[in-house]
Protein backbone atom coordinates (compact mmCIF):
# COMPACT_ATOMS: atom_id res chain seq x y z
CA UNK A 1 -0.01 -0.05 0.04
CA UNK A 2 2.69 2.53 0.99
CA UNK A 3 4.72 1.74 -2.11
CA UNK A 4 1.64 2.42 -4.29
CA UNK A 5 1.20 5.87 -2.62
CA UNK A 6 4.95 6.51 -3.30
CA UNK A 7 4.44 5.81 -6.97
CA UNK A 8 2.03 8.71 -7.28
CA UNK A 9 5.03 10.95 -6.93
CA UNK A 10 4.56 14.72 -6.53
CA UNK A 11 0.78 14.41 -6.12
CA UNK A 12 1.37 12.51 -2.87
CA UNK A 13 4.05 14.91 -1.70
CA UNK A 14 1.63 17.81 -2.22
CA UNK A 15 -0.91 15.92 -0.20
CA UNK A 16 1.56 15.43 2.62
CA UNK A 17 2.35 19.18 2.60
CA UNK A 18 -1.43 19.88 2.77
CA UNK A 19 -1.80 17.46 5.71
CA UNK A 20 1.24 19.09 7.45
CA UNK A 21 -0.32 22.51 6.94
CA UNK A 22 -3.65 21.38 8.31
CA UNK A 23 -1.98 19.81 11.29
CA UNK A 24 -0.71 23.27 12.21
CA UNK A 25 -3.53 25.56 11.09
CA UNK A 26 -6.88 23.65 11.19
CA UNK A 27 -9.37 23.46 14.14
CA UNK A 28 -8.30 21.06 16.86
CA UNK A 29 -10.45 18.15 15.77
CA UNK A 30 -9.06 18.28 12.24
CA UNK A 31 -5.55 18.56 13.59
CA UNK A 32 -6.08 15.46 15.57
CA UNK A 33 -7.34 13.60 12.50
CA UNK A 34 -4.37 14.78 10.48
CA UNK A 35 -1.91 13.66 13.13
CA UNK A 36 -3.72 10.24 13.24
CA UNK A 37 -3.31 9.99 9.46
CA UNK A 38 0.38 10.96 9.62
CA UNK A 39 0.99 8.34 12.32
CA UNK A 40 -0.66 5.66 10.18
CA UNK A 41 1.28 6.65 7.11
CA UNK A 42 4.57 6.71 8.78
CA UNK A 43 4.26 3.52 10.92
CA UNK A 44 6.20 0.52 9.75
CA UNK A 45 6.00 -2.73 11.67
CA UNK A 46 9.39 -4.21 12.49
CA UNK A 47 9.27 -6.86 9.81
CA UNK A 48 8.62 -4.11 7.14
CA UNK A 49 11.54 -1.86 8.28
CA UNK A 50 13.70 -2.36 5.14
CA UNK A 51 16.19 0.28 4.11
CA UNK A 52 13.97 1.29 1.13
CA UNK A 53 10.79 1.70 3.18
CA UNK A 54 12.57 3.51 5.99
CA UNK A 55 14.03 5.96 3.46
CA UNK A 56 10.54 6.39 1.91
CA UNK A 57 8.74 7.14 5.18
CA UNK A 58 11.67 9.45 6.23
CA UNK A 59 11.11 11.41 2.98
CA UNK A 60 7.35 11.54 3.75
CA UNK A 61 8.15 12.94 7.17
CA UNK A 62 10.24 15.56 5.62
CA UNK A 63 7.58 16.43 3.09
CA UNK A 64 5.10 17.40 5.84
CA UNK A 65 6.70 20.84 6.43
CA UNK A 66 9.81 22.83 5.77
CA UNK A 67 10.75 21.95 9.30
CA UNK A 68 8.68 19.01 10.48
CA UNK A 69 10.30 18.80 13.89
CA UNK A 70 9.42 22.48 14.52
CA UNK A 71 5.88 21.66 13.35
CA UNK A 72 5.41 18.96 15.92
CA UNK A 73 7.12 20.95 18.62
CA UNK A 74 4.63 23.72 17.91
CA UNK A 75 1.76 21.30 18.11
CA UNK A 76 3.02 19.87 21.27
CA UNK A 77 3.20 23.34 22.93
CA UNK A 78 -0.53 23.96 22.35
CA UNK A 79 -2.82 23.73 25.41
CA UNK A 80 -4.72 20.72 24.30
CA UNK A 81 -3.80 17.28 25.82
CA UNK A 82 -5.41 15.50 22.86
CA UNK A 83 -3.01 17.25 20.50
CA UNK A 84 -0.03 16.22 22.63
CA UNK A 85 -1.10 12.66 22.52
CA UNK A 86 -1.70 12.69 18.84
CA UNK A 87 1.63 14.29 18.10
CA UNK A 88 3.31 11.77 20.43
CA UNK A 89 1.67 8.93 18.61
CA UNK A 90 3.44 9.95 15.40
CA UNK A 91 6.86 9.44 17.08
CA UNK A 92 6.14 6.50 19.26
CA UNK A 93 5.14 4.47 16.25
CA UNK A 94 8.51 5.29 14.67
CA UNK A 95 11.09 3.84 16.98
CA UNK A 96 13.56 3.89 14.08
CA UNK A 97 13.15 7.61 13.48
CA UNK A 98 16.17 9.76 14.17
CA UNK A 99 15.36 13.08 15.55
CA UNK A 100 17.20 16.27 16.07
CA UNK A 101 15.82 17.87 19.19
CA UNK A 102 16.56 21.39 20.37
CA UNK A 103 17.76 21.13 23.95
CA UNK A 104 18.74 24.44 25.50
CA UNK A 105 19.52 25.88 22.09
CA UNK A 106 21.88 22.96 21.19
CA UNK A 107 20.99 20.40 18.56
CA UNK A 108 21.29 16.85 19.83
CA UNK A 109 20.88 13.68 17.88
CA UNK A 110 18.45 11.30 19.60
CA UNK A 111 16.69 8.12 18.75
CA UNK A 112 13.06 7.57 20.01
CA UNK A 113 12.90 4.13 21.57
């Protein structure tokens, strides 16, 4: 299924950008639905975590926004616990995702496990 989406090329990338934009700018209920969709799209079960599929989902994550980590940091700073949970779900389903987190102004490489 994911590889079929990838074959749609720029159309799917534009869709990812729209989902990322809605995750930031839409009403809370739509933000949560967008985050759930992102989580589902990016999740790979351990047996499917091949190099090709990992690269593909990493590129999808990057297509969500010019700075996807800042996008999720901004979502997490909003005063809605359901948004926090939905944003966290994106990352907890991606144990293989390498993140650069801003800690006290310093960039630190970290792996979510």
